[in-house]
C-alpha cells in the first residue's frame, strides 16, 4: 500500500525546529532536490504496491536516501547514520 504524502500540511511547531523549520535555500541538497521530478517518480513508485498491507515509506525518503548514498559513496549504514545525525 502506498499513500502519497500530504504536501499541504504545515509544520505543527516550527519554533521547535532549528532555523524555524526551514533551511538555507542555497543548501546543495535542497537545490538538487528541486531538480528531481518527485511527482512523476511517486506515480511510478506507487505502482509497485498493492491496496492492502502496511503503507510503504515515502518516495522522497526512499529515493532521496538512495541518491545521497550514491552521490556521497557511503554505505547503507553510513548514510543512515549520517541522516540520523544531520536530518
Protein backbone atom coordinates (compact mmCIF):
# COMPACT_ATOMS: atom_id res chain seq x y z
CA UNK A 1 0.00 0.00 0.00
CA UNK A 2 1.26 3.46 -0.80
CA UNK A 3 -0.27 6.69 0.44
CA UNK A 4 1.08 9.86 -1.17
CA UNK A 5 2.48 12.36 1.29
CA UNK A 6 0.31 15.36 2.09
CA UNK A 7 2.49 18.27 0.95
CA UNK A 8 -0.02 20.87 2.17
CA UNK A 9 0.36 20.07 5.87
CA UNK A 10 2.35 22.69 7.73
CA UNK A 11 4.88 22.00 10.49
CA UNK A 12 2.98 21.89 13.80
CA UNK A 13 5.54 23.71 15.98
CA UNK A 14 8.08 25.41 13.69
CA UNK A 15 9.67 27.25 16.61
CA UNK A 16 10.96 23.90 17.94
CA UNK A 17 12.96 23.26 14.76
CA UNK A 18 16.34 24.83 14.13
CA UNK A 19 16.10 27.84 11.80
CA UNK A 20 12.30 27.92 12.15
CA UNK A 21 11.91 24.65 10.27
CA UNK A 22 13.46 25.96 7.05
CA UNK A 23 16.89 25.54 5.52
CA UNK A 24 19.03 27.95 3.58
CA UNK A 25 17.73 27.99 0.00
CA UNK A 26 21.35 27.77 -1.20
CA UNK A 27 21.74 24.38 0.50
CA UNK A 28 23.19 21.99 -2.10
CA UNK A 29 20.83 19.14 -1.21
CA UNK A 30 17.76 21.36 -1.49
CA UNK A 31 18.93 22.64 -4.88
CA UNK A 32 19.46 19.08 -6.12
CA UNK A 33 16.05 18.07 -4.72
CA UNK A 34 14.39 20.81 -6.76
CA UNK A 35 15.77 19.25 -9.95
CA UNK A 36 14.16 15.86 -9.28
CA UNK A 37 10.65 15.25 -10.71
CA UNK A 38 9.19 13.91 -7.43
CA UNK A 39 5.56 13.78 -8.66
CA UNK A 40 6.47 11.59 -11.64
CA UNK A 41 8.65 9.33 -9.51
CA UNK A 42 5.88 8.99 -6.93
CA UNK A 43 3.44 7.95 -9.66
CA UNK A 44 5.82 5.22 -10.86
CA UNK A 45 6.78 4.17 -7.32
CA UNK A 46 3.21 3.61 -6.15
CA UNK A 47 2.59 1.10 -8.95
CA UNK A 48 4.72 -1.44 -7.06
CA UNK A 49 2.37 -1.64 -4.05
CA UNK A 50 -0.97 -3.36 -3.53
CA UNK A 51 -4.03 -1.73 -1.98
CA UNK A 52 -3.68 -3.70 1.27
CA UNK A 53 -0.99 -4.03 3.89
CA UNK A 54 1.26 -1.66 5.72
CA UNK A 55 1.88 1.65 3.91
CA UNK A 56 5.24 1.99 2.18
CA UNK A 57 7.81 4.64 3.06
CA UNK A 58 7.54 7.99 1.31
CA UNK A 59 9.12 8.11 -2.16
CA UNK A 60 11.21 11.17 -1.27
CA UNK A 61 12.68 9.37 1.73
CA UNK A 62 13.48 6.16 -0.15
CA UNK A 63 14.83 7.70 -3.34
CA UNK A 64 16.44 10.61 -1.53
CA UNK A 65 18.47 8.20 0.61
CA UNK A 66 19.40 6.22 -2.48
CA UNK A 67 20.53 9.37 -4.31
CA UNK A 68 22.52 10.53 -1.28
CA UNK A 69 24.15 7.14 -0.92
CA UNK A 70 25.43 7.16 -4.48
CA UNK A 71 26.39 10.83 -4.51
CA UNK A 72 28.43 10.52 -1.30
CA UNK A 73 29.72 6.98 -1.94
CA UNK A 74 28.73 5.96 1.60
CA UNK A 75 27.48 2.51 2.62
CA UNK A 76 23.85 1.86 3.58
CA UNK A 77 24.70 2.01 7.27
CA UNK A 78 26.83 5.12 6.88
CA UNK A 79 24.14 7.07 5.01
CA UNK A 80 21.50 6.13 7.60
CA UNK A 81 23.82 7.23 10.41
CA UNK A 82 24.60 10.47 8.56
CA UNK A 83 20.93 11.33 8.05
CA UNK A 84 20.05 10.40 11.63
CA UNK A 85 22.74 12.83 12.85
CA UNK A 86 22.06 15.57 10.29
CA UNK A 87 18.47 15.41 9.02
